[in-house]
N, C-alpha and C. Protein backbone atom coordinates (compact mmCIF):
# COMPACT_ATOMS: atom_id res chain seq x y z
N MET A 1 1.01 -1.02 -0.05
CA MET A 1 0.43 -0.27 -0.05
C MET A 1 0.71 1.58 -0.07
N HIS A 2 1.81 0.98 0.79
CA HIS A 2 2.69 2.46 0.95
C HIS A 2 3.44 2.44 -0.35
N PHE A 3 3.70 1.30 -1.30
CA PHE A 3 5.32 1.29 -1.97
C PHE A 3 4.33 1.94 -3.10
N MET A 4 1.97 1.98 -3.89
CA MET A 4 1.93 2.51 -4.25
C MET A 4 2.52 4.36 -4.41
N ARG A 5 2.29 4.30 -3.13
CA ARG A 5 2.43 5.91 -3.14
C ARG A 5 3.84 6.65 -4.19
N THR A 6 4.56 5.19 -3.75
CA THR A 6 6.14 6.10 -4.02
C THR A 6 5.56 6.26 -6.28
N ILE A 7 5.73 4.61 -6.16
CA ILE A 7 5.07 4.20 -7.72
C ILE A 7 4.59 5.48 -8.55
N LYS A 8 3.89 5.40 -8.07
CA LYS A 8 2.42 6.98 -8.41
C LYS A 8 3.30 7.38 -8.57
N ARG A 9 4.71 8.11 -7.99
CA ARG A 9 5.00 9.36 -7.55
C ARG A 9 6.19 9.45 -9.02
N ALA A 10 6.39 8.37 -8.95
CA ALA A 10 7.80 7.44 -10.14
C ALA A 10 7.54 7.71 -11.22
N ARG A 11 5.82 7.41 -11.44
CA ARG A 11 5.56 7.46 -13.24
C ARG A 11 5.01 8.44 -13.44
N GLN A 12 4.76 10.06 -11.90
CA GLN A 12 4.07 11.21 -12.06
C GLN A 12 5.81 12.38 -13.09
N ARG A 13 6.79 11.31 -13.00
CA ARG A 13 7.73 12.08 -13.38
C ARG A 13 8.64 11.02 -14.61
N GLY A 14 7.64 10.08 -15.37
CA GLY A 14 8.24 9.24 -16.94
C GLY A 14 8.50 8.01 -15.65
N ALA A 15 8.74 7.10 -15.02
CA ALA A 15 9.41 5.67 -14.82
C ALA A 15 8.29 5.42 -14.80
N LYS A 16 8.40 4.27 -15.72
CA LYS A 16 7.81 2.87 -16.34
C LYS A 16 7.62 2.18 -14.45
N LEU A 17 6.42 1.02 -15.29
CA LEU A 17 6.23 0.74 -14.35
C LEU A 17 5.97 -0.87 -14.92
N VAL A 18 6.88 -2.32 -14.64
CA VAL A 18 6.81 -3.06 -15.09
C VAL A 18 6.95 -4.73 -13.47
N VAL A 19 5.66 -5.54 -14.06
CA VAL A 19 4.78 -6.53 -13.23
C VAL A 19 5.49 -7.49 -13.93
N ILE A 20 5.72 -8.70 -13.22
CA ILE A 20 6.60 -10.19 -13.16
C ILE A 20 5.94 -10.71 -12.27
N ASP A 21 4.95 -11.47 -12.08
CA ASP A 21 3.90 -11.67 -10.90
C ASP A 21 2.82 -12.69 -12.02
N PRO A 22 3.02 -14.24 -11.57
CA PRO A 22 1.95 -15.59 -11.81
C PRO A 22 0.94 -15.10 -12.22
N HIS A 23 0.56 -13.81 -10.71
CA HIS A 23 -1.14 -13.43 -10.88
C HIS A 23 -1.82 -12.28 -11.24
N ARG A 24 -2.60 -11.81 -11.88
CA ARG A 24 -2.58 -10.51 -12.31
C ARG A 24 -2.96 -9.71 -11.09
N THR A 25 -2.70 -8.66 -10.34
CA THR A 25 -3.28 -8.01 -9.03
C THR A 25 -3.45 -6.73 -9.52
N GLN A 26 -3.49 -6.34 -8.60
CA GLN A 26 -4.41 -4.82 -8.58
C GLN A 26 -2.51 -3.52 -9.44
N VAL A 27 -1.68 -3.78 -8.41
CA VAL A 27 -0.59 -3.29 -9.65
C VAL A 27 -0.47 -4.28 -10.90
N ALA A 28 -0.53 -5.18 -11.01
CA ALA A 28 -0.02 -5.46 -12.47
C ALA A 28 -0.73 -4.82 -13.39
N ARG A 29 -2.37 -4.85 -12.93
CA ARG A 29 -2.72 -3.86 -13.54
C ARG A 29 -2.71 -2.30 -13.79
N GLN A 30 -1.99 -2.57 -13.29
CA GLN A 30 -1.56 -0.81 -13.75
C GLN A 30 -0.52 -0.24 -14.29
N ALA A 31 0.49 -1.33 -14.47
CA ALA A 31 1.97 -1.78 -15.56
C ALA A 31 2.00 -1.00 -16.50
N ASP A 32 2.96 -0.32 -16.78
CA ASP A 32 2.61 -0.50 -18.67
C ASP A 32 3.82 -1.22 -19.09
N LEU A 33 4.02 -3.14 -18.32
CA LEU A 33 4.46 -4.07 -19.08
C LEU A 33 4.18 -4.75 -17.69
N TYR A 34 3.04 -5.40 -18.11
CA TYR A 34 2.68 -7.22 -17.09
C TYR A 34 3.26 -8.10 -18.04
N LEU A 35 4.19 -8.81 -17.15
CA LEU A 35 4.57 -10.44 -17.81
C LEU A 35 3.91 -11.17 -16.46
N GLN A 36 3.53 -12.19 -17.50
CA GLN A 36 2.34 -13.27 -16.28
C GLN A 36 3.24 -14.92 -16.53
N VAL A 37 3.73 -14.61 -15.45
CA VAL A 37 5.34 -15.54 -15.09
C VAL A 37 4.35 -17.01 -15.29
N THR A 38 5.25 -18.08 -15.65
CA THR A 38 4.86 -19.40 -14.59
C THR A 38 5.56 -19.46 -13.67
N PRO A 39 4.67 -19.84 -12.60
CA PRO A 39 5.51 -19.95 -10.96
C PRO A 39 6.10 -20.68 -10.88
N GLY A 40 7.70 -20.38 -10.31
CA GLY A 40 8.80 -21.10 -9.99
C GLY A 40 10.07 -21.09 -10.99
N SER A 41 9.12 -19.52 -12.02
CA SER A 41 10.25 -19.89 -13.28
C SER A 41 11.10 -18.51 -13.34
N ASP A 42 10.79 -17.29 -12.58
CA ASP A 42 11.50 -16.56 -12.39
C ASP A 42 13.11 -16.89 -12.35
N VAL A 43 13.49 -17.23 -11.66
CA VAL A 43 15.43 -17.67 -12.38
C VAL A 43 15.43 -18.26 -13.42
N SER A 44 14.84 -18.13 -13.96
CA SER A 44 15.26 -18.43 -15.70
C SER A 44 14.44 -17.12 -16.05
N LEU A 45 13.92 -16.61 -16.04
CA LEU A 45 13.52 -15.33 -17.15
C LEU A 45 14.52 -14.48 -15.43
N ALA A 46 14.89 -13.92 -15.13
CA ALA A 46 16.11 -13.25 -14.47
C ALA A 46 17.28 -13.96 -14.66
N LEU A 47 17.99 -15.30 -14.75
CA LEU A 47 18.64 -15.19 -16.04
C LEU A 47 19.48 -15.21 -17.58
N TYR A 48 18.16 -15.60 -17.56
CA TYR A 48 18.25 -15.07 -19.35
C TYR A 48 18.44 -13.35 -20.23
N LEU A 49 17.43 -12.60 -18.55
CA LEU A 49 17.50 -10.96 -19.00
C LEU A 49 18.94 -10.44 -18.73
N THR A 50 19.90 -11.76 -17.87
CA THR A 50 21.27 -10.80 -17.98
C THR A 50 22.17 -11.31 -18.40
N ALA A 51 22.02 -12.90 -19.31
CA ALA A 51 22.23 -12.67 -20.30
C ALA A 51 22.65 -12.24 -21.34
N ARG A 52 21.18 -11.45 -21.48
CA ARG A 52 20.71 -11.03 -22.58
C ARG A 52 21.28 -8.96 -22.44
N LEU A 53 21.33 -8.22 -20.88
CA LEU A 53 21.74 -7.03 -20.88
C LEU A 53 23.50 -7.51 -20.86
N ALA A 54 23.78 -8.83 -20.51
CA ALA A 54 25.51 -9.23 -21.11
C ALA A 54 25.96 -8.81 -21.85
N ALA A 55 25.18 -9.50 -22.89
CA ALA A 55 25.14 -9.47 -24.41
C ALA A 55 25.32 -8.24 -25.44
N ALA A 56 24.50 -7.29 -24.97
CA ALA A 56 24.54 -6.35 -25.80
C ALA A 56 25.27 -4.99 -25.17
N GLY A 57 26.81 -5.67 -24.41
CA GLY A 57 27.39 -3.92 -23.47
C GLY A 57 26.48 -3.50 -22.64
N LYS A 58 25.85 -3.71 -22.02
CA LYS A 58 25.07 -3.06 -20.54
C LYS A 58 25.27 -3.36 -19.46
N ILE A 59 26.45 -3.80 -19.04
CA ILE A 59 26.90 -4.46 -17.83
C ILE A 59 28.14 -4.67 -17.59
N ASP A 60 28.70 -3.00 -16.85
CA ASP A 60 29.69 -3.00 -16.85
C ASP A 60 30.45 -3.46 -15.93
N THR A 61 30.85 -4.72 -16.23
CA THR A 61 32.10 -5.84 -15.74
C THR A 61 33.15 -5.08 -15.26
N ASP A 62 33.69 -4.68 -15.65
CA ASP A 62 35.36 -3.41 -14.95
C ASP A 62 34.94 -3.71 -13.44
N ASN A 63 33.99 -2.69 -13.76
CA ASN A 63 33.84 -2.45 -11.68
C ASN A 63 33.23 -3.55 -11.30
N LEU A 64 32.19 -4.20 -11.78
CA LEU A 64 31.62 -5.25 -10.76
C LEU A 64 32.84 -6.03 -10.73
N THR A 65 33.91 -6.45 -11.13
CA THR A 65 35.10 -7.14 -11.66
C THR A 65 36.29 -6.75 -9.88
N GLU A 66 36.35 -5.19 -9.48
CA GLU A 66 36.09 -4.66 -8.90
C GLU A 66 35.12 -4.61 -7.60
N LEU A 67 33.94 -5.06 -7.71
CA LEU A 67 33.40 -5.10 -6.01
C LEU A 67 32.73 -5.81 -6.10
N THR A 68 32.81 -7.20 -6.85
CA THR A 68 32.06 -8.30 -6.79
C THR A 68 33.71 -9.25 -6.60
N THR A 69 32.35 -10.56 -5.95
CA THR A 69 33.49 -12.46 -7.07
C THR A 69 32.16 -12.86 -7.08
N GLY A 70 32.65 -13.13 -8.35
CA GLY A 70 31.80 -14.69 -8.91
C GLY A 70 31.57 -14.11 -10.00
N LEU A 71 32.04 -12.97 -10.31
CA LEU A 71 30.59 -12.25 -11.59
C LEU A 71 30.66 -12.60 -12.61
N ASP A 72 32.39 -13.48 -13.11
CA ASP A 72 32.29 -14.61 -14.24
C ASP A 72 31.57 -14.98 -13.97
N ALA A 73 31.90 -16.13 -12.99
CA ALA A 73 31.02 -17.22 -12.63
C ALA A 73 29.75 -17.16 -13.21
N TYR A 74 28.84 -16.23 -12.86
CA TYR A 74 27.51 -15.48 -12.80
C TYR A 74 27.42 -15.75 -14.20
N LEU A 75 27.92 -15.17 -15.31
CA LEU A 75 27.76 -14.41 -16.43
C LEU A 75 27.91 -15.51 -17.05
N GLU A 76 29.02 -16.71 -16.98
CA GLU A 76 28.67 -17.70 -17.74
C GLU A 76 27.83 -18.68 -17.45
N ASN A 77 26.76 -18.49 -16.07
CA ASN A 77 25.74 -19.17 -15.97
C ASN A 77 24.80 -18.58 -16.08
N ALA A 78 24.38 -17.72 -16.35
CA ALA A 78 23.35 -17.04 -17.42
C ALA A 78 24.14 -16.61 -18.42
N ALA A 79 24.88 -16.56 -19.60
CA ALA A 79 24.33 -16.77 -21.15
C ALA A 79 24.27 -18.63 -21.06
N GLY A 80 23.90 -19.33 -20.46
CA GLY A 80 23.90 -20.75 -20.52
C GLY A 80 21.56 -20.50 -21.03
N TYR A 81 21.32 -19.37 -20.45
CA TYR A 81 19.88 -19.15 -20.91
C TYR A 81 19.02 -18.71 -21.94
N LEU A 82 20.26 -18.21 -22.45
CA LEU A 82 20.02 -17.38 -23.74
C LEU A 82 19.09 -18.07 -24.96
N ALA A 83 19.09 -19.68 -24.58
CA ALA A 83 18.56 -20.46 -25.60
C ALA A 83 17.22 -21.09 -24.68
N THR A 84 17.44 -20.12 -23.84
CA THR A 84 16.09 -21.02 -22.91
C THR A 84 14.60 -20.27 -23.34
N ASP A 85 13.64 -21.45 -23.92
CA ASP A 85 12.29 -21.84 -24.92
C ASP A 85 11.58 -20.78 -23.48
N LEU A 86 11.38 -18.56 -23.51
CA LEU A 86 11.18 -18.71 -22.21
C LEU A 86 9.62 -18.60 -22.02
N GLU A 87 8.90 -18.74 -23.81
CA GLU A 87 7.39 -19.33 -24.23
C GLU A 87 6.63 -20.73 -22.70
N ASN A 88 7.28 -21.48 -23.74
CA ASN A 88 6.94 -22.33 -22.97
C ASN A 88 7.65 -23.18 -21.43
N ILE A 89 8.84 -22.27 -21.32
CA ILE A 89 9.09 -22.50 -19.32
C ILE A 89 8.38 -21.14 -18.25
N CYS A 90 8.83 -19.84 -19.15
CA CYS A 90 8.46 -19.01 -18.13
C CYS A 90 6.74 -18.28 -18.79
N GLY A 91 6.11 -19.02 -20.15
CA GLY A 91 4.56 -17.92 -20.65
C GLY A 91 5.10 -17.19 -20.92
N ILE A 92 6.61 -16.86 -21.87
CA ILE A 92 7.10 -15.15 -21.40
C ILE A 92 6.62 -14.49 -23.18
N SER A 93 6.13 -14.53 -24.00
CA SER A 93 6.00 -14.42 -25.30
C SER A 93 7.95 -14.18 -25.59
N PRO A 94 7.85 -14.56 -26.56
CA PRO A 94 9.59 -13.61 -27.87
C PRO A 94 9.70 -12.37 -27.37
N ASP A 95 8.30 -11.04 -28.16
CA ASP A 95 8.27 -10.24 -27.89
C ASP A 95 7.31 -9.21 -26.60
N ALA A 96 7.71 -9.89 -25.75
CA ALA A 96 7.08 -8.97 -23.94
C ALA A 96 8.17 -9.35 -23.56
N ALA A 97 9.37 -10.78 -23.84
CA ALA A 97 10.49 -10.21 -22.93
C ALA A 97 11.86 -9.57 -23.89
N GLU A 98 10.96 -9.45 -25.26
CA GLU A 98 12.45 -8.04 -25.55
C GLU A 98 12.09 -6.28 -25.03
N GLN A 99 10.25 -6.28 -25.42
CA GLN A 99 9.70 -4.93 -24.52
C GLN A 99 10.61 -4.84 -23.22
N LEU A 100 10.71 -6.36 -22.19
CA LEU A 100 11.46 -5.58 -21.15
C LEU A 100 12.31 -5.29 -21.08
N VAL A 101 13.53 -6.45 -22.13
CA VAL A 101 15.07 -5.98 -22.49
C VAL A 101 14.76 -4.20 -23.04
N THR A 102 14.62 -4.34 -23.96
CA THR A 102 14.07 -2.83 -24.07
C THR A 102 14.55 -1.67 -22.95
N LEU A 103 13.40 -2.25 -21.74
CA LEU A 103 12.98 -1.16 -20.86
C LEU A 103 14.00 -0.93 -19.95
N LEU A 104 15.03 -2.48 -19.82
CA LEU A 104 15.71 -2.34 -18.87
C LEU A 104 17.42 -1.60 -19.09
N THR A 105 17.28 -1.66 -20.79
CA THR A 105 18.54 -0.94 -21.17
C THR A 105 18.62 0.39 -21.89
N ALA A 106 16.98 0.80 -21.50
CA ALA A 106 16.71 2.12 -22.07
C ALA A 106 16.45 3.24 -20.75
N ALA A 107 16.53 2.67 -19.82
CA ALA A 107 16.35 2.82 -17.99
C ALA A 107 17.37 3.75 -17.35
N GLU A 108 17.40 4.93 -17.52
CA GLU A 108 18.82 5.26 -16.32
C GLU A 108 19.29 5.01 -14.80
N SER A 109 17.63 4.22 -14.62
CA SER A 109 17.93 3.26 -13.16
C SER A 109 16.75 2.65 -13.25
N ILE A 110 16.97 1.46 -12.23
CA ILE A 110 16.07 0.61 -11.83
C ILE A 110 15.83 0.56 -10.72
N THR A 111 14.51 0.27 -9.83
CA THR A 111 14.19 -0.43 -8.91
C THR A 111 14.22 -1.89 -8.62
N VAL A 112 14.66 -2.54 -7.65
CA VAL A 112 13.83 -3.74 -8.50
C VAL A 112 12.84 -4.55 -6.35
N ASN A 113 11.81 -4.34 -6.54
CA ASN A 113 10.90 -4.91 -5.60
C ASN A 113 9.85 -6.82 -5.19
N VAL A 114 10.35 -7.16 -3.84
CA VAL A 114 10.02 -8.96 -4.75
C VAL A 114 9.22 -8.49 -3.29
N GLY A 115 8.43 -9.36 -3.66
CA GLY A 115 6.73 -9.68 -2.87
C GLY A 115 7.49 -10.69 -1.67
N VAL A 116 6.75 -11.02 -1.22
CA VAL A 116 6.47 -12.42 -0.51
C VAL A 116 6.31 -13.57 -0.61
N GLY A 117 5.49 -13.05 -2.14
CA GLY A 117 5.02 -15.04 -2.46
C GLY A 117 6.70 -15.96 -3.25
N LEU A 118 7.39 -14.73 -4.30
CA LEU A 118 8.57 -14.74 -5.01
C LEU A 118 9.26 -15.88 -3.41
N GLU A 119 9.32 -15.52 -2.28
CA GLU A 119 10.32 -15.80 -1.32
C GLU A 119 10.45 -16.84 -1.27
N ARG A 120 9.11 -17.55 -0.66
CA ARG A 120 8.58 -19.10 -0.29
C ARG A 120 8.23 -20.04 -1.48
N THR A 121 8.60 -19.81 -2.92
CA THR A 121 8.83 -20.31 -3.96
C THR A 121 10.38 -21.56 -3.33
N ARG A 122 10.08 -22.21 -3.69
CA ARG A 122 10.84 -23.94 -4.31
C ARG A 122 12.54 -23.16 -4.64
N ASN A 123 12.62 -22.31 -4.91
CA ASN A 123 13.85 -21.52 -5.76
C ASN A 123 13.63 -20.27 -5.06
N GLY A 124 13.08 -19.72 -4.23
CA GLY A 124 13.19 -18.59 -3.64
C GLY A 124 13.96 -17.54 -3.35
N GLY A 125 15.35 -18.17 -3.16
CA GLY A 125 16.58 -17.38 -2.81
C GLY A 125 16.47 -17.06 -3.73
N ALA A 126 17.11 -17.46 -5.53
CA ALA A 126 17.71 -17.70 -5.48
C ALA A 126 16.65 -16.67 -6.98
N ALA A 127 15.78 -17.17 -6.78
CA ALA A 127 15.07 -15.89 -7.35
C ALA A 127 15.23 -14.32 -7.00
N CYS A 128 15.37 -15.07 -5.71
CA CYS A 128 15.42 -13.23 -5.59
C CYS A 128 16.73 -12.75 -5.84
N ARG A 129 17.38 -12.94 -5.01
CA ARG A 129 19.05 -12.86 -5.88
C ARG A 129 19.57 -13.15 -7.03
N ALA A 130 18.23 -13.98 -8.48
CA ALA A 130 18.71 -13.10 -9.24
C ALA A 130 17.94 -11.73 -10.51
N ALA A 131 16.77 -11.44 -8.90
CA ALA A 131 15.83 -10.23 -9.33
C ALA A 131 17.09 -9.14 -9.08
N TYR A 132 17.51 -8.94 -7.82
CA TYR A 132 18.24 -7.76 -7.60
C TYR A 132 19.50 -7.58 -7.92
N SER A 133 20.41 -8.41 -8.92
CA SER A 133 21.29 -8.76 -9.65
C SER A 133 21.43 -7.77 -10.60
N PHE A 134 19.69 -7.38 -11.67
CA PHE A 134 20.01 -6.75 -12.28
C PHE A 134 20.61 -4.93 -11.45
N ARG A 135 19.96 -5.07 -10.79
CA ARG A 135 20.12 -3.28 -10.76
C ARG A 135 21.93 -3.02 -10.25
N CYS A 136 22.55 -4.32 -10.35
CA CYS A 136 24.01 -3.76 -9.70
C CYS A 136 24.62 -4.10 -11.11
N CYS A 137 23.80 -5.50 -11.91
CA CYS A 137 24.77 -5.70 -12.76
C CYS A 137 24.54 -4.71 -14.60
N LEU A 138 23.89 -3.47 -14.13
CA LEU A 138 22.77 -2.62 -14.85
C LEU A 138 24.23 -1.22 -14.56
N ALA A 139 24.81 -0.89 -12.94
CA ALA A 139 25.79 -0.48 -12.51
C ALA A 139 24.59 0.55 -11.93
N HIS A 140 22.73 0.37 -11.37
CA HIS A 140 22.06 1.18 -10.94
C HIS A 140 21.70 1.33 -9.70
N TRP A 141 23.03 0.47 -8.53
CA TRP A 141 22.94 0.41 -7.40
C TRP A 141 24.28 1.48 -6.78
N ALA A 142 24.90 2.42 -7.94
CA ALA A 142 25.38 3.48 -8.35
C ALA A 142 24.67 5.20 -7.81
N LYS A 143 23.53 4.51 -8.42
CA LYS A 143 22.71 5.80 -8.39
C LYS A 143 21.46 5.97 -7.64
N GLN A 144 21.67 7.38 -7.02
CA GLN A 144 20.45 7.38 -5.95
C GLN A 144 19.40 7.57 -6.37
N VAL A 145 18.15 7.89 -6.34
CA VAL A 145 17.35 8.45 -6.86
C VAL A 145 16.12 8.91 -5.89
N THR A 146 15.84 9.59 -5.81
CA THR A 146 14.49 10.42 -5.19
C THR A 146 13.68 10.10 -6.27
N VAL A 147 12.58 9.95 -5.80
CA VAL A 147 11.16 9.89 -6.17
C VAL A 147 9.60 10.19 -4.84
């Protein structure tokens, strides 16, 4: 409820709202892009997107290598997800995935918020790590945004 006020202010300033959720929630109905994923497929989608961002040269590997451990292994693992059949595994059309990649690569900054449902799944920890990694991979962790 409180987060919606922040979303509303951000959208008034030009932010895009993307919701990735198996359930079409009230927030999803307000989204600029809503991706209704197959439950439990979040990790596959996140790693696919990470691989696409890396392939597009959008990941600042020089700085991240200095600040992290395991980046090369993480990106190598993510690259294996480029061949993911998103439609059959995640329920996401190639066009919808491309829309999300376009939004991510064009964004000056992003914020990721995961709900309580994601962390309660079998692969919840991995899904949360993969989702939060977007911000780091895009070097948006270094940007302060006021909404």
